Structures are given as C-alpha cells and as structure tokens.
Amino acid sequence: WNCESLNGQIIENNVITDSRGEHNIYLAWNTDGDAGGIVNPIIRYNILSNASWDNFHLNGKVTGLLLEGNIIFSSANSSSPGPPAIAFQEGVTHSTVQNNVVIFGSSMAVGINDYYDPTPNIHSYDQTYNSFINNTFIFSGFNSVGYNETGDSVSVIRIGNDDPTATPDLGHNTFQNNILLNAAGAANWNPGSTWGSVVQYARHSSSDASWWTTDTYTNNIIYGVSGQTPLQIGISPGPDGTWTRTW
C-alpha cells in the first residue's frame, strides 16, 4: 500500500504468505503531498511467512505504528542474506513493536536504516523514539525454502545509515525484555574475516553522530551461540578494520 493520507489502518488476524514480489506487508509513504506521512497504523495478530525479501516493510515517514503479536518466519527467501524480517526505513518514529516472534530467516530479524534514493520525494529522516518490548528475535540462518546462510556474518538487529548524503539520528530507541539470539552466523569476531554480532550499529562514515549512545537496553537476553559479540559498532560496509566491540 502507498498510504498517503490513509491513517489509522488496521491489518489484523491474517495469514499472509509467499509474496511474489518483495514483501508480504509493505506500507510506504513516498510523496510530499502529505507532510505528516503515515500515522498510527496497527499491524497485529498476523502470521507472515515465506517472503522473498522482508516479511514486514515500512518505508517512512511513519509515526505511531503498533506492531503487535505477530509471528514472522522464513524471511529473505533468496540465495544470499540481505533484507530483514522487519524493516524500518526512511523515518519510522514513536512506534511500538511488542510481543512478536521472528524465527527461521536467512537474514536479520530487524533492520533500521536510511538509504539514498535519487527519486525527488524519497528522503532520509530520523528514526527515533521507537520501543521494542517483549519480542523474541532469532537469526537461525535457515529458511523454509532451504537456503542456508548460517556461515554468514549476520546480526539479529542492524541499525545503520546507508545514505552518504545525510546524517540522520537513528538513536533514542528503547529495547526492553527481548530475547535476541544469534543462533548461527560466523563464529568469533575478527575484523577482516568474520564480524558476527547480535546487535550491530553501522555508520556510513565518521561524520555520523554516535546515535547508539542514546539507546536504552533493559532486561534483555542477548546471546550469540557461536561467539558472536553482543554489540558491534563500526563504519559500513565492514569488515574494514573499523569495527569495535565495547559490550
């Protein structure tokens, strides 16, 4: 859906599977006709599976999303890791993601990023004041169509600026009472060869602010079964020797 001027949408109690294009649910605001973007959408109690890319994709601006009680599995049904199960792009703010389960994907569970697009109406915006509460987010490395990405250096959550023309704020977000498990991925941590992690913050360049210092983590289980570092900070795209781990 391109949701200009359509606010307060409710998508609930559906089984949505096997997207033929990219995403099972895709909400987009990519016009300057409505300066407010999408406001207060509710996505709850759905089962989303077997997406070619993201199972759930938001392309901002989006304010006040409630993503609740969904089961999301088998994302990124392609031959290489990439799109996350849940994607926040180009300006998702003041939103709540709670009581969801993400499992059986060959890429990350959650991605929050901004990217460059030459289209005049698509811009990078801040992605701040979002809350992730009581979720189970797992990168298993496998999906239901048989792709095996367990050897790739994939994080469970990636928060990154991929726009060389902008320096958005991607901080001031809260992660509380979540299970964040990297159940596969490259073992150990060695810049230049493997850089597996559970949570990754990726600046585009050193000119980006240190927005991760404004995030809050409380009462989470954060674990990498193959020695992945819980927290990784660096300049994208690694591994270029700039990755550090401080947690």
Protein backbone atom coordinates (compact mmCIF):
# COMPACT_ATOMS: atom_id res chain seq x y z
CA TRP A 1 0.00 0.00 0.00
CA ASN A 2 1.09 3.56 -0.70
CA CYS A 3 -0.63 5.11 2.28
CA GLU A 4 -0.70 8.85 1.64
CA SER A 5 -3.47 10.41 3.73
CA LEU A 6 -4.69 6.98 4.90
CA ASN A 7 -4.03 6.94 8.63
CA GLY A 8 -5.05 4.55 11.37
CA GLN A 9 -5.09 1.47 9.14
CA ILE A 10 -5.64 -1.84 10.93
CA ILE A 11 -4.27 -5.07 9.46
CA GLU A 12 -5.07 -7.94 11.82
CA ASN A 13 -5.80 -11.65 12.08
CA ASN A 14 -4.43 -12.59 8.66
CA VAL A 15 -2.20 -15.32 7.31
CA ILE A 16 -0.08 -13.77 4.55
CA THR A 17 2.47 -15.92 2.80
CA ASP A 18 4.60 -16.47 -0.30
CA SER A 19 4.95 -12.93 -1.61
CA ARG A 20 5.63 -12.99 -5.34
CA GLY A 21 7.47 -9.70 -5.27
CA GLU A 22 9.35 -8.48 -2.20
CA HIS A 23 7.24 -8.13 0.95
CA ASN A 24 4.16 -9.71 2.50
CA ILE A 25 3.13 -6.36 4.06
CA TYR A 26 4.59 -3.13 2.67
CA LEU A 27 3.43 0.28 3.89
CA ALA A 28 5.00 3.22 2.07
CA TRP A 29 4.84 6.97 2.16
CA ASN A 30 6.87 8.37 -0.71
CA THR A 31 5.24 11.61 -1.69
CA ASP A 32 5.47 15.16 -0.42
CA GLY A 33 1.71 15.54 -0.75
CA ASP A 34 1.13 14.67 2.91
CA ALA A 35 3.89 16.09 5.07
CA GLY A 36 2.80 14.01 8.06
CA GLY A 37 3.32 10.63 6.43
CA ILE A 38 1.56 7.52 7.74
CA VAL A 39 0.13 7.94 11.25
CA ASN A 40 -0.95 5.29 13.78
CA PRO A 41 -1.15 2.11 11.68
CA ILE A 42 -1.90 -1.08 13.63
CA ILE A 43 -0.48 -4.42 12.44
CA ARG A 44 -1.37 -7.20 14.86
CA TYR A 45 -2.04 -10.91 15.28
CA ASN A 46 -0.87 -11.86 11.79
CA ILE A 47 1.20 -14.79 10.57
CA LEU A 48 3.66 -13.68 7.89
CA SER A 49 5.84 -16.23 6.14
CA ASN A 50 7.95 -17.02 3.08
CA ALA A 51 8.70 -13.50 1.89
CA SER A 52 11.11 -13.01 -0.96
CA TRP A 53 12.57 -10.05 0.95
CA ASP A 54 11.14 -8.52 4.13
CA ASN A 55 8.05 -10.04 5.64
CA PHE A 56 7.09 -6.62 7.04
CA HIS A 57 8.38 -3.42 5.47
CA LEU A 58 7.82 0.23 6.35
CA ASN A 59 9.17 2.98 4.11
CA GLY A 60 8.67 6.22 6.07
CA LYS A 61 7.61 8.62 7.16
CA VAL A 62 5.66 6.55 9.70
CA THR A 63 4.63 7.73 13.17
CA GLY A 64 2.86 5.80 15.89
CA LEU A 65 2.95 2.27 14.45
CA LEU A 66 1.80 -0.59 16.69
CA LEU A 67 3.30 -3.89 15.51
CA GLU A 68 2.00 -6.44 17.98
CA GLY A 69 1.52 -10.16 18.44
CA ASN A 70 2.71 -11.26 15.00
CA ILE A 71 4.52 -14.46 14.07
CA ILE A 72 7.03 -13.80 11.31
CA PHE A 73 9.10 -16.59 9.79
CA SER A 74 11.07 -17.56 6.70
CA SER A 75 12.21 -14.14 5.53
CA ALA A 76 14.73 -13.38 2.77
CA ASN A 77 13.96 -16.37 0.57
CA SER A 78 16.88 -15.72 -1.74
CA SER A 79 20.32 -17.13 -2.27
CA SER A 80 22.11 -14.59 -0.08
CA PRO A 81 21.39 -12.72 3.16
CA GLY A 82 20.07 -9.22 2.98
CA PRO A 83 16.58 -7.91 3.75
CA PRO A 84 15.46 -8.28 7.37
CA ALA A 85 12.23 -9.85 8.58
CA ILE A 86 11.09 -6.43 9.91
CA ALA A 87 12.38 -3.35 8.07
CA PHE A 88 12.14 0.26 9.23
CA GLN A 89 13.42 2.66 6.56
CA GLU A 90 13.45 6.37 5.86
CA GLY A 91 11.80 7.67 9.01
CA VAL A 92 9.85 5.45 11.43
CA THR A 93 9.36 7.21 14.77
CA HIS A 94 7.43 6.96 18.05
CA SER A 95 6.38 3.39 17.22
CA THR A 96 5.98 0.25 19.32
CA VAL A 97 7.00 -3.29 18.39
CA GLN A 98 5.87 -5.73 21.08
CA ASN A 99 5.11 -9.41 21.68
CA ASN A 100 6.29 -10.55 18.23
CA VAL A 101 8.23 -13.67 17.29
CA VAL A 102 10.71 -13.71 14.39
CA ILE A 103 12.27 -17.08 13.54
CA PHE A 104 13.55 -19.20 10.64
CA GLY A 105 15.02 -16.46 8.49
CA SER A 106 18.18 -16.38 6.42
CA SER A 107 18.80 -12.74 7.32
CA MET A 108 18.50 -10.39 10.29
CA ALA A 109 15.32 -10.13 12.32
CA VAL A 110 15.15 -6.31 12.46
CA GLY A 111 16.74 -3.60 10.35
CA ILE A 112 16.52 0.14 10.99
CA ASN A 113 18.25 2.10 8.25
CA ASP A 114 18.20 5.07 5.93
CA TYR A 115 19.37 4.87 2.32
CA TYR A 116 19.98 7.20 -0.60
CA ASP A 117 17.45 7.32 -3.42
CA PRO A 118 17.62 9.84 -6.29
CA THR A 119 13.82 9.93 -6.52
CA PRO A 120 12.87 13.51 -5.51
CA ASN A 121 10.29 12.52 -2.91
CA ILE A 122 12.26 9.81 -1.09
CA HIS A 123 14.47 11.20 1.67
CA SER A 124 16.24 10.03 4.80
CA TYR A 125 14.60 11.05 8.08
CA ASP A 126 15.37 10.43 11.74
CA GLN A 127 14.22 7.09 13.16
CA THR A 128 13.88 7.76 16.85
CA TYR A 129 11.80 7.08 19.97
CA ASN A 130 10.76 3.58 18.95
CA SER A 131 10.18 0.86 21.58
CA PHE A 132 10.87 -2.86 21.16
CA ILE A 133 9.30 -4.74 24.07
CA ASN A 134 8.79 -8.46 24.88
CA ASN A 135 9.86 -9.75 21.47
CA THR A 136 11.73 -12.90 20.50
CA PHE A 137 14.11 -12.14 17.63
CA ILE A 138 16.22 -15.01 16.33
CA PHE A 139 18.59 -15.32 13.39
CA SER A 140 18.63 -19.04 12.68
CA GLY A 141 20.41 -18.95 9.31
CA PHE A 142 17.88 -21.21 7.59
CA ASN A 143 14.54 -20.52 5.98
CA SER A 144 11.78 -22.83 4.87
CA VAL A 145 12.82 -22.98 1.21
CA GLY A 146 16.18 -24.42 2.13
CA TYR A 147 18.65 -21.53 1.96
CA ASN A 148 21.48 -21.95 4.43
CA GLU A 149 23.18 -18.73 5.49
CA THR A 150 24.50 -19.99 8.80
CA GLY A 151 28.07 -19.21 7.79
CA ASP A 152 27.44 -15.54 7.03
CA SER A 153 28.15 -12.69 9.39
CA VAL A 154 24.59 -11.60 10.03
CA SER A 155 23.36 -9.70 13.07
CA VAL A 156 19.97 -10.11 14.70
CA ILE A 157 19.38 -6.35 14.78
CA ARG A 158 21.16 -3.89 12.48
CA ILE A 159 20.79 -0.13 12.89
CA GLY A 160 22.65 1.66 10.14
CA ASN A 161 22.91 4.76 8.00
CA ASP A 162 23.38 3.78 4.35
CA ASP A 163 22.86 7.27 2.92
CA PRO A 164 26.08 9.10 2.01
CA THR A 165 24.16 12.38 1.63
CA ALA A 166 22.54 12.53 5.09
CA THR A 167 23.32 12.12 8.78
CA PRO A 168 20.01 11.03 10.35
CA ASP A 169 19.52 10.36 14.05
CA LEU A 170 18.88 6.63 14.49
CA GLY A 171 19.02 6.68 18.28
CA HIS A 172 16.74 7.39 21.23
CA ASN A 173 15.19 3.92 20.85
CA THR A 174 14.36 1.51 23.68
CA PHE A 175 14.85 -2.28 23.81
CA GLN A 176 13.26 -3.93 26.83
CA ASN A 177 12.53 -7.55 27.85
CA ASN A 178 13.53 -9.01 24.47
CA ILE A 179 15.26 -12.27 23.59
CA LEU A 180 17.91 -11.52 20.93
CA LEU A 181 19.56 -14.71 19.75
CA ASN A 182 22.11 -15.23 17.01
CA ALA A 183 21.76 -18.98 16.62
CA ALA A 184 24.04 -19.25 13.58
CA GLY A 185 26.30 -16.73 11.87
CA ALA A 186 30.04 -16.61 11.62
CA ALA A 187 31.81 -17.70 14.77
CA ASN A 188 34.11 -15.46 16.77
CA TRP A 189 34.92 -11.86 15.94
CA ASN A 190 37.86 -10.90 13.76
CA PRO A 191 37.82 -7.73 11.62
CA GLY A 192 38.84 -8.64 8.11
CA SER A 193 37.33 -12.11 8.10
CA THR A 194 34.34 -12.62 10.42
CA TRP A 195 32.34 -9.97 12.19
CA GLY A 196 29.31 -11.74 13.54
CA SER A 197 27.26 -9.93 16.16
CA VAL A 198 23.89 -9.85 17.85
CA VAL A 199 23.32 -6.08 17.67
CA GLN A 200 25.15 -4.01 15.06
CA TYR A 201 25.38 -0.24 14.68
CA ALA A 202 26.76 0.82 11.31
CA ARG A 203 27.64 4.41 10.49
CA HIS A 204 28.15 5.36 6.86
CA SER A 205 31.17 7.46 7.76
CA SER A 206 32.82 9.07 10.76
CA SER A 207 30.67 12.17 10.20
CA ASP A 208 27.63 10.31 11.52
CA ALA A 209 26.77 11.04 15.12
CA SER A 210 27.17 8.36 17.78
CA TRP A 211 23.43 7.77 17.97
CA TRP A 212 23.77 4.40 19.74
CA THR A 213 24.82 6.22 22.89
CA THR A 214 21.22 7.44 23.24
CA ASP A 215 19.59 4.00 23.02
CA THR A 216 18.40 2.16 26.12
CA TYR A 217 18.64 -1.61 26.71
CA THR A 218 16.90 -3.05 29.78
CA ASN A 219 16.34 -6.68 30.87
CA ASN A 220 17.17 -8.31 27.53
CA ILE A 221 18.72 -11.69 26.84
CA ILE A 222 21.44 -11.07 24.23
CA TYR A 223 23.36 -14.14 23.12
CA GLY A 224 25.44 -15.48 20.25
CA VAL A 225 25.82 -19.24 20.25
CA SER A 226 29.00 -19.22 18.09
CA GLY A 227 30.90 -16.50 19.89
CA GLN A 228 29.30 -13.53 18.15
CA THR A 229 29.87 -10.30 20.02
CA PRO A 230 26.71 -8.92 21.68
CA LEU A 231 27.39 -5.38 20.44
CA GLN A 232 29.30 -4.25 17.37
CA ILE A 233 29.93 -0.68 16.28
CA GLY A 234 31.64 0.37 13.07
CA ILE A 235 31.58 2.05 9.70
CA SER A 236 29.62 0.25 6.98
CA PRO A 237 30.33 -1.74 4.97
CA GLY A 238 32.68 -3.83 7.13
CA PRO A 239 34.92 -5.63 7.56
CA ASP A 240 37.38 -2.80 7.05
CA GLY A 241 39.19 -2.80 10.38
CA THR A 242 36.87 -0.14 11.82
CA TRP A 243 34.59 -2.48 13.78
CA THR A 244 34.88 -2.38 17.53
CA ARG A 245 33.02 -4.07 20.32
CA THR A 246 32.53 -2.43 23.66
CA TRP A 247 29.88 -4.50 25.38
